[in-house]
Amino acid sequence: MKTVSIREVRDRFDEFAQDVEQGETVTVTRDGKPVFDIVPHRKRPGIDLEAGEAYLRSKGIVRTKGFISDEFDDPLPEDFLLRPLP
């Protein structure tokens, strides 16, 4: 791991970028105190929805699309609205 000043990074950025491409981490300092690190890019893991669906199908689980009743947007009855909370 290299430690360099902000001024050095500004003047020789391409050189440090090549080091990072090779897997090295560069710590950048200001007045001798670490400010930030330049690190190799890593793809963040995420949720693979297609793999999840395939797994469910392999276990015999069939998902259906959601259902919304025709009454969903109807106003609530007045007695429901006036009832105190438990």
PDB file of N, CA and C in Angstrom:
ATOM      1  N   MET A   1       0.847  -1.173   0.000  1.00  0.00           N
ATOM      2  CA  MET A   1       0.000   0.000   0.000  1.00  0.00           C
ATOM      3  C   MET A   1       0.889   1.232   0.000  1.00  0.00           C
ATOM      4  N   LYS A   2       0.595   2.156  -0.912  1.00  0.00           N
ATOM      5  CA  LYS A   2       1.356   3.393  -1.004  1.00  0.00           C
ATOM      6  C   LYS A   2       0.624   4.496  -0.256  1.00  0.00           C
ATOM      7  N   THR A   3       1.393   5.417   0.307  1.00  0.00           N
ATOM      8  CA  THR A   3       0.830   6.606   0.930  1.00  0.00           C
ATOM      9  C   THR A   3       1.452   7.809   0.245  1.00  0.00           C
ATOM     10  N   VAL A   4       0.598   8.659  -0.333  1.00  0.00           N
ATOM     11  CA  VAL A   4       1.083   9.811  -1.089  1.00  0.00           C
ATOM     12  C   VAL A   4       0.249  11.044  -0.742  1.00  0.00           C
ATOM     13  N   SER A   5       0.809  12.205  -1.020  1.00  0.00           N
ATOM     14  CA  SER A   5       0.083  13.451  -0.751  1.00  0.00           C
ATOM     15  C   SER A   5      -0.864  13.760  -1.910  1.00  0.00           C
ATOM     16  N   ILE A   6      -1.816  14.629  -1.635  1.00  0.00           N
ATOM     17  CA  ILE A   6      -2.761  15.042  -2.672  1.00  0.00           C
ATOM     18  C   ILE A   6      -2.009  15.676  -3.838  1.00  0.00           C
ATOM     19  N   ARG A   7      -0.995  16.446  -3.550  1.00  0.00           N
ATOM     20  CA  ARG A   7      -0.216  17.117  -4.604  1.00  0.00           C
ATOM     21  C   ARG A   7       0.442  16.070  -5.512  1.00  0.00           C
ATOM     22  N   GLU A   8       1.013  15.006  -4.918  1.00  0.00           N
ATOM     23  CA  GLU A   8       1.631  13.950  -5.723  1.00  0.00           C
ATOM     24  C   GLU A   8       0.601  13.270  -6.623  1.00  0.00           C
ATOM     25  N   VAL A   9      -0.571  13.010  -6.067  1.00  0.00           N
ATOM     26  CA  VAL A   9      -1.616  12.358  -6.856  1.00  0.00           C
ATOM     27  C   VAL A   9      -2.036  13.258  -8.012  1.00  0.00           C
ATOM     28  N   ARG A  10      -2.170  14.536  -7.759  1.00  0.00           N
ATOM     29  CA  ARG A  10      -2.568  15.474  -8.806  1.00  0.00           C
ATOM     30  C   ARG A  10      -1.516  15.494  -9.919  1.00  0.00           C
ATOM     31  N   ASP A  11      -0.238  15.471  -9.536  1.00  0.00           N
ATOM     32  CA  ASP A  11       0.834  15.567 -10.525  1.00  0.00           C
ATOM     33  C   ASP A  11       1.088  14.258 -11.271  1.00  0.00           C
ATOM     34  N   ARG A  12       0.850  13.111 -10.608  1.00  0.00           N
ATOM     35  CA  ARG A  12       1.190  11.809 -11.197  1.00  0.00           C
ATOM     36  C   ARG A  12       0.017  10.841 -11.132  1.00  0.00           C
ATOM     37  N   PHE A  13      -1.181  11.341 -11.395  1.00  0.00           N
ATOM     38  CA  PHE A  13      -2.386  10.524 -11.251  1.00  0.00           C
ATOM     39  C   PHE A  13      -2.342   9.261 -12.099  1.00  0.00           C
ATOM     40  N   ASP A  14      -1.896   9.383 -13.357  1.00  0.00           N
ATOM     41  CA  ASP A  14      -1.887   8.233 -14.251  1.00  0.00           C
ATOM     42  C   ASP A  14      -1.021   7.103 -13.693  1.00  0.00           C
ATOM     43  N   GLU A  15       0.113   7.448 -13.108  1.00  0.00           N
ATOM     44  CA  GLU A  15       1.001   6.448 -12.520  1.00  0.00           C
ATOM     45  C   GLU A  15       0.308   5.707 -11.375  1.00  0.00           C
ATOM     46  N   PHE A  16      -0.374   6.457 -10.514  1.00  0.00           N
ATOM     47  CA  PHE A  16      -1.065   5.826  -9.384  1.00  0.00           C
ATOM     48  C   PHE A  16      -2.273   5.020  -9.859  1.00  0.00           C
ATOM     49  N   ALA A  17      -2.934   5.489 -10.915  1.00  0.00           N
ATOM     50  CA  ALA A  17      -4.068   4.741 -11.468  1.00  0.00           C
ATOM     51  C   ALA A  17      -3.588   3.383 -11.981  1.00  0.00           C
ATOM     52  N   GLN A  18      -2.424   3.336 -12.579  1.00  0.00           N
ATOM     53  CA  GLN A  18      -1.881   2.062 -13.048  1.00  0.00           C
ATOM     54  C   GLN A  18      -1.578   1.134 -11.880  1.00  0.00           C
ATOM     55  N   ASP A  19      -1.072   1.702 -10.782  1.00  0.00           N
ATOM     56  CA  ASP A  19      -0.821   0.883  -9.590  1.00  0.00           C
ATOM     57  C   ASP A  19      -2.119   0.287  -9.056  1.00  0.00           C
ATOM     58  N   VAL A  20      -3.167   1.086  -9.052  1.00  0.00           N
ATOM     59  CA  VAL A  20      -4.469   0.620  -8.558  1.00  0.00           C
ATOM     60  C   VAL A  20      -5.017  -0.456  -9.486  1.00  0.00           C
ATOM     61  N   GLU A  21      -4.820  -0.290 -10.787  1.00  0.00           N
ATOM     62  CA  GLU A  21      -5.260  -1.313 -11.741  1.00  0.00           C
ATOM     63  C   GLU A  21      -4.563  -2.645 -11.479  1.00  0.00           C
ATOM     64  N   GLN A  22      -3.369  -2.608 -10.927  1.00  0.00           N
ATOM     65  CA  GLN A  22      -2.623  -3.824 -10.603  1.00  0.00           C
ATOM     66  C   GLN A  22      -3.045  -4.414  -9.257  1.00  0.00           C
ATOM     67  N   GLY A  23      -4.006  -3.767  -8.580  1.00  0.00           N
ATOM     68  CA  GLY A  23      -4.534  -4.305  -7.331  1.00  0.00           C
ATOM     69  C   GLY A  23      -4.033  -3.613  -6.080  1.00  0.00           C
ATOM     70  N   GLU A  24      -3.194  -2.587  -6.222  1.00  0.00           N
ATOM     71  CA  GLU A  24      -2.641  -1.902  -5.062  1.00  0.00           C
ATOM     72  C   GLU A  24      -3.596  -0.803  -4.574  1.00  0.00           C
ATOM     73  N   THR A  25      -3.592  -0.549  -3.286  1.00  0.00           N
ATOM     74  CA  THR A  25      -4.376   0.544  -2.697  1.00  0.00           C
ATOM     75  C   THR A  25      -3.454   1.721  -2.445  1.00  0.00           C
ATOM     76  N   VAL A  26      -3.927   2.915  -2.808  1.00  0.00           N
ATOM     77  CA  VAL A  26      -3.141   4.126  -2.595  1.00  0.00           C
ATOM     78  C   VAL A  26      -3.877   4.995  -1.580  1.00  0.00           C
ATOM     79  N   THR A  27      -3.214   5.315  -0.462  1.00  0.00           N
ATOM     80  CA  THR A  27      -3.793   6.196   0.552  1.00  0.00           C
ATOM     81  C   THR A  27      -3.314   7.616   0.267  1.00  0.00           C
ATOM     82  N   VAL A  28      -4.259   8.534   0.157  1.00  0.00           N
ATOM     83  CA  VAL A  28      -3.935   9.925  -0.152  1.00  0.00           C
ATOM     84  C   VAL A  28      -4.038  10.739   1.133  1.00  0.00           C
ATOM     85  N   THR A  29      -3.015  11.562   1.367  1.00  0.00           N
ATOM     86  CA  THR A  29      -2.956  12.337   2.610  1.00  0.00           C
ATOM     87  C   THR A  29      -2.966  13.832   2.333  1.00  0.00           C
ATOM     88  N   ARG A  30      -3.375  14.578   3.344  1.00  0.00           N
ATOM     89  CA  ARG A  30      -3.264  16.042   3.339  1.00  0.00           C
ATOM     90  C   ARG A  30      -2.629  16.404   4.677  1.00  0.00           C
ATOM     91  N   ASP A  31      -1.542  17.119   4.626  1.00  0.00           N
ATOM     92  CA  ASP A  31      -0.789  17.490   5.829  1.00  0.00           C
ATOM     93  C   ASP A  31      -0.430  16.260   6.657  1.00  0.00           C
ATOM     94  N   GLY A  32      -0.116  15.151   5.976  1.00  0.00           N
ATOM     95  CA  GLY A  32       0.299  13.932   6.656  1.00  0.00           C
ATOM     96  C   GLY A  32      -0.817  13.084   7.233  1.00  0.00           C
ATOM     97  N   LYS A  33      -2.068  13.535   7.083  1.00  0.00           N
ATOM     98  CA  LYS A  33      -3.207  12.776   7.618  1.00  0.00           C
ATOM     99  C   LYS A  33      -3.983  12.135   6.471  1.00  0.00           C
ATOM    100  N   PRO A  34      -4.330  10.857   6.599  1.00  0.00           N
ATOM    101  CA  PRO A  34      -5.082  10.184   5.532  1.00  0.00           C
ATOM    102  C   PRO A  34      -6.415  10.875   5.262  1.00  0.00           C
ATOM    103  N   VAL A  35      -6.713  11.086   3.976  1.00  0.00           N
ATOM    104  CA  VAL A  35      -7.961  11.721   3.574  1.00  0.00           C
ATOM    105  C   VAL A  35      -8.875  10.713   2.879  1.00  0.00           C
ATOM    106  N   PHE A  36      -8.313   9.966   1.941  1.00  0.00           N
ATOM    107  CA  PHE A  36      -9.099   8.944   1.251  1.00  0.00           C
ATOM    108  C   PHE A  36      -8.172   7.913   0.643  1.00  0.00           C
ATOM    109  N   ASP A  37      -8.773   6.794   0.219  1.00  0.00           N
ATOM    110  CA  ASP A  37      -8.029   5.730  -0.438  1.00  0.00           C
ATOM    111  C   ASP A  37      -8.501   5.604  -1.876  1.00  0.00           C
ATOM    112  N   ILE A  38      -7.563   5.293  -2.756  1.00  0.00           N
ATOM    113  CA  ILE A  38      -7.903   4.923  -4.122  1.00  0.00           C
ATOM    114  C   ILE A  38      -7.742   3.413  -4.167  1.00  0.00           C
ATOM    115  N   VAL A  39      -8.835   2.722  -4.442  1.00  0.00           N
ATOM    116  CA  VAL A  39      -8.837   1.263  -4.375  1.00  0.00           C
ATOM    117  C   VAL A  39      -9.296   0.680  -5.704  1.00  0.00           C
ATOM    118  N   PRO A  40      -8.897  -0.559  -6.003  1.00  0.00           N
ATOM    119  CA  PRO A  40      -9.375  -1.203  -7.226  1.00  0.00           C
ATOM    120  C   PRO A  40     -10.894  -1.345  -7.191  1.00  0.00           C
ATOM    121  N   HIS A  41     -11.493  -1.208  -8.347  1.00  0.00           N
ATOM    122  CA  HIS A  41     -12.952  -1.335  -8.452  1.00  0.00           C
ATOM    123  C   HIS A  41     -13.357  -2.789  -8.274  1.00  0.00           C
ATOM    124  N   ARG A  42     -14.421  -2.995  -7.500  1.00  0.00           N
ATOM    125  CA  ARG A  42     -14.991  -4.331  -7.318  1.00  0.00           C
ATOM    126  C   ARG A  42     -16.472  -4.240  -7.629  1.00  0.00           C
ATOM    127  N   LYS A  43     -16.934  -5.179  -8.397  1.00  0.00           N
ATOM    128  CA  LYS A  43     -18.365  -5.216  -8.676  1.00  0.00           C
ATOM    129  C   LYS A  43     -19.076  -5.634  -7.407  1.00  0.00           C
ATOM    130  N   ARG A  44     -20.050  -4.843  -7.019  1.00  0.00           N
ATOM    131  CA  ARG A  44     -20.813  -5.152  -5.809  1.00  0.00           C
ATOM    132  C   ARG A  44     -21.756  -6.309  -6.067  1.00  0.00           C
ATOM    133  N   PRO A  45     -21.803  -7.232  -5.125  1.00  0.00           N
ATOM    134  CA  PRO A  45     -22.761  -8.322  -5.308  1.00  0.00           C
ATOM    135  C   PRO A  45     -24.174  -7.795  -5.111  1.00  0.00           C
ATOM    136  N   GLY A  46     -25.079  -8.354  -5.830  1.00  0.00           N
ATOM    137  CA  GLY A  46     -26.462  -7.922  -5.706  1.00  0.00           C
ATOM    138  C   GLY A  46     -27.377  -9.127  -5.730  1.00  0.00           C
ATOM    139  N   ILE A  47     -28.628  -8.856  -5.756  1.00  0.00           N
ATOM    140  CA  ILE A  47     -29.618  -9.931  -5.788  1.00  0.00           C
ATOM    141  C   ILE A  47     -29.832 -10.339  -7.238  1.00  0.00           C
ATOM    142  N   ASP A  48     -29.674 -11.598  -7.511  1.00  0.00           N
ATOM    143  CA  ASP A  48     -29.914 -12.135  -8.844  1.00  0.00           C
ATOM    144  C   ASP A  48     -31.344 -12.679  -8.855  1.00  0.00           C
ATOM    145  N   LEU A  49     -32.271 -11.857  -9.310  1.00  0.00           N
ATOM    146  CA  LEU A  49     -33.684 -12.241  -9.280  1.00  0.00           C
ATOM    147  C   LEU A  49     -33.980 -13.429 -10.179  1.00  0.00           C
ATOM    148  N   GLU A  50     -33.301 -13.490 -11.319  1.00  0.00           N
ATOM    149  CA  GLU A  50     -33.539 -14.614 -12.218  1.00  0.00           C
ATOM    150  C   GLU A  50     -33.113 -15.928 -11.557  1.00  0.00           C
ATOM    151  N   ALA A  51     -31.991 -15.920 -10.855  1.00  0.00           N
ATOM    152  CA  ALA A  51     -31.535 -17.128 -10.163  1.00  0.00           C
ATOM    153  C   ALA A  51     -32.524 -17.508  -9.062  1.00  0.00           C
ATOM    154  N   GLY A  52     -33.077 -16.512  -8.376  1.00  0.00           N
ATOM    155  CA  GLY A  52     -34.071 -16.786  -7.340  1.00  0.00           C
ATOM    156  C   GLY A  52     -35.321 -17.419  -7.910  1.00  0.00           C
ATOM    157  N   GLU A  53     -35.778 -16.898  -9.039  1.00  0.00           N
ATOM    158  CA  GLU A  53     -36.964 -17.478  -9.697  1.00  0.00           C
ATOM    159  C   GLU A  53     -36.676 -18.909 -10.147  1.00  0.00           C
ATOM    160  N   ALA A  54     -35.480 -19.143 -10.692  1.00  0.00           N
ATOM    161  CA  ALA A  54     -35.119 -20.490 -11.135  1.00  0.00           C
ATOM    162  C   ALA A  54     -35.083 -21.448  -9.947  1.00  0.00           C
ATOM    163  N   TYR A  55     -34.571 -20.996  -8.821  1.00  0.00           N
ATOM    164  CA  TYR A  55     -34.525 -21.837  -7.623  1.00  0.00           C
ATOM    165  C   TYR A  55     -35.939 -22.200  -7.170  1.00  0.00           C
ATOM    166  N   LEU A  56     -36.820 -21.210  -7.121  1.00  0.00           N
ATOM    167  CA  LEU A  56     -38.202 -21.483  -6.713  1.00  0.00           C
ATOM    168  C   LEU A  56     -38.860 -22.485  -7.649  1.00  0.00           C
ATOM    169  N   ARG A  57     -38.635 -22.320  -8.962  1.00  0.00           N
ATOM    170  CA  ARG A  57     -39.219 -23.264  -9.923  1.00  0.00           C
ATOM    171  C   ARG A  57     -38.664 -24.663  -9.709  1.00  0.00           C
ATOM    172  N   SER A  58     -37.354 -24.764  -9.393  1.00  0.00           N
ATOM    173  CA  SER A  58     -36.747 -26.086  -9.190  1.00  0.00           C
ATOM    174  C   SER A  58     -37.331 -26.792  -7.964  1.00  0.00           C
ATOM    175  N   LYS A  59     -37.856 -26.030  -7.009  1.00  0.00           N
ATOM    176  CA  LYS A  59     -38.467 -26.594  -5.808  1.00  0.00           C
ATOM    177  C   LYS A  59     -39.975 -26.768  -5.955  1.00  0.00           C
ATOM    178  N   GLY A  60     -40.497 -26.468  -7.164  1.00  0.00           N
ATOM    179  CA  GLY A  60     -41.915 -26.646  -7.411  1.00  0.00           C
ATOM    180  C   GLY A  60     -42.779 -25.519  -6.883  1.00  0.00           C
ATOM    181  N   ILE A  61     -42.180 -24.390  -6.577  1.00  0.00           N
ATOM    182  CA  ILE A  61     -42.932 -23.236  -6.066  1.00  0.00           C
ATOM    183  C   ILE A  61     -43.261 -22.328  -7.242  1.00  0.00           C
ATOM    184  N   VAL A  62     -44.542 -22.115  -7.455  1.00  0.00           N
ATOM    185  CA  VAL A  62     -44.978 -21.279  -8.563  1.00  0.00           C
ATOM    186  C   VAL A  62     -45.491 -19.972  -8.002  1.00  0.00           C
ATOM    187  N   ARG A  63     -44.891 -18.895  -8.428  1.00  0.00           N
ATOM    188  CA  ARG A  63     -45.343 -17.576  -7.972  1.00  0.00           C
ATOM    189  C   ARG A  63     -46.375 -17.041  -8.949  1.00  0.00           C
ATOM    190  N   THR A  64     -47.381 -16.403  -8.406  1.00  0.00           N
ATOM    191  CA  THR A  64     -48.398 -15.794  -9.249  1.00  0.00           C
ATOM    192  C   THR A  64     -48.297 -14.295  -9.115  1.00  0.00           C
ATOM    193  N   LYS A  65     -48.860 -13.625 -10.064  1.00  0.00           N
ATOM    194  CA  LYS A  65     -48.888 -12.164 -10.000  1.00  0.00           C
ATOM    195  C   LYS A  65     -49.834 -11.745  -8.885  1.00  0.00           C
ATOM    196  N   GLY A  66     -49.580 -10.616  -8.301  1.00  0.00           N
ATOM    197  CA  GLY A  66     -50.420 -10.123  -7.218  1.00  0.00           C
ATOM    198  C   GLY A  66     -51.836  -9.832  -7.677  1.00  0.00           C
ATOM    199  N   PHE A  67     -52.747  -9.783  -6.732  1.00  0.00           N
ATOM    200  CA  PHE A  67     -54.143  -9.518  -7.034  1.00  0.00           C
ATOM    201  C   PHE A  67     -54.596  -8.328  -6.203  1.00  0.00           C
ATOM    202  N   ILE A  68     -55.222  -7.365  -6.856  1.00  0.00           N
ATOM    203  CA  ILE A  68     -55.785  -6.205  -6.158  1.00  0.00           C
ATOM    204  C   ILE A  68     -57.280  -6.205  -6.415  1.00  0.00           C
ATOM    205  N   SER A  69     -58.034  -6.205  -5.348  1.00  0.00           N
ATOM    206  CA  SER A  69     -59.484  -6.229  -5.441  1.00  0.00           C
ATOM    207  C   SER A  69     -60.000  -4.962  -6.124  1.00  0.00           C
ATOM    208  N   ASP A  70     -61.157  -5.088  -6.772  1.00  0.00           N
ATOM    209  CA  ASP A  70     -61.796  -3.931  -7.392  1.00  0.00           C
ATOM    210  C   ASP A  70     -62.210  -2.903  -6.338  1.00  0.00           C
ATOM    211  N   GLU A  71     -62.389  -3.346  -5.086  1.00  0.00           N
ATOM    212  CA  GLU A  71     -62.827  -2.461  -4.010  1.00  0.00           C
ATOM    213  C   GLU A  71     -61.653  -1.750  -3.322  1.00  0.00           C
ATOM    214  N   PHE A  72     -60.452  -1.954  -3.794  1.00  0.00           N
ATOM    215  CA  PHE A  72     -59.263  -1.447  -3.103  1.00  0.00           C
ATOM    216  C   PHE A  72     -59.331   0.064  -2.848  1.00  0.00           C
ATOM    217  N   ASP A  73     -59.787   0.827  -3.829  1.00  0.00           N
ATOM    218  CA  ASP A  73     -59.804   2.286  -3.699  1.00  0.00           C
ATOM    219  C   ASP A  73     -61.106   2.829  -3.122  1.00  0.00           C
ATOM    220  N   ASP A  74     -62.038   1.965  -2.779  1.00  0.00           N
ATOM    221  CA  ASP A  74     -63.300   2.426  -2.207  1.00  0.00           C
ATOM    222  C   ASP A  74     -63.046   3.052  -0.836  1.00  0.00           C
ATOM    223  N   PRO A  75     -63.834   4.053  -0.466  1.00  0.00           N
ATOM    224  CA  PRO A  75     -63.674   4.663   0.863  1.00  0.00           C
ATOM    225  C   PRO A  75     -63.949   3.646   1.969  1.00  0.00           C
ATOM    226  N   LEU A  76     -63.279   3.817   3.098  1.00  0.00           N
ATOM    227  CA  LEU A  76     -63.515   2.948   4.248  1.00  0.00           C
ATOM    228  C   LEU A  76     -64.829   3.318   4.909  1.00  0.00           C
ATOM    229  N   PRO A  77     -65.495   2.359   5.551  1.00  0.00           N
ATOM    230  CA  PRO A  77     -66.738   2.673   6.251  1.00  0.00           C
ATOM    231  C   PRO A  77     -66.471   3.645   7.406  1.00  0.00           C
ATOM    232  N   GLU A  78     -67.458   4.489   7.672  1.00  0.00           N
ATOM    233  CA  GLU A  78     -67.277   5.526   8.691  1.00  0.00           C
ATOM    234  C   GLU A  78     -67.044   4.937  10.074  1.00  0.00           C
ATOM    235  N   ASP A  79     -67.722   3.838  10.419  1.00  0.00           N
ATOM    236  CA  ASP A  79     -67.532   3.261  11.743  1.00  0.00           C
ATOM    237  C   ASP A  79     -66.102   2.721  11.916  1.00  0.00           C
ATOM    238  N   PHE A  80     -65.482   2.294  10.849  1.00  0.00           N
ATOM    239  CA  PHE A  80     -64.094   1.844  10.916  1.00  0.00           C
ATOM    240  C   PHE A  80     -63.169   3.018  11.227  1.00  0.00           C
ATOM    241  N   LEU A  81     -63.437   4.148  10.622  1.00  0.00           N
ATOM    242  CA  LEU A  81     -62.598   5.327  10.796  1.00  0.00           C
ATOM    243  C   LEU A  81     -62.740   5.927  12.188  1.00  0.00           C
ATOM    244  N   LEU A  82     -63.910   5.760  12.829  1.00  0.00           N
ATOM    245  CA  LEU A  82     -64.160   6.370  14.120  1.00  0.00           C
ATOM    246  C   LEU A  82     -63.815   5.457  15.281  1.00  0.00           C
ATOM    247  N   ARG A  83     -63.534   4.193  15.008  1.00  0.00           N
ATOM    248  CA  ARG A  83     -63.217   3.226  16.049  1.00  0.00           C
ATOM    249  C   ARG A  83     -61.844   3.551  16.669  1.00  0.00           C
ATOM    250  N   PRO A  84     -61.714   3.555  18.005  1.00  0.00           N
ATOM    251  CA  PRO A  84     -60.411   3.848  18.628  1.00  0.00           C
ATOM    252  C   PRO A  84     -59.406   2.728  18.353  1.00  0.00           C
ATOM    253  N   LEU A  85     -58.170   3.101  18.338  1.00  0.00           N
ATOM    254  CA  LEU A  85     -57.097   2.131  18.119  1.00  0.00           C
ATOM    255  C   LEU A  85     -56.943   1.243  19.366  1.00  0.00           C
ATOM    256  N   PRO A  86     -56.552  -0.022  19.162  1.00  0.00           N
ATOM    257  CA  PRO A  86     -56.396  -0.923  20.316  1.00  0.00           C
ATOM    258  C   PRO A  86     -55.223  -0.517  21.197  1.00  0.00           C
TER     259      PRO A  86
END
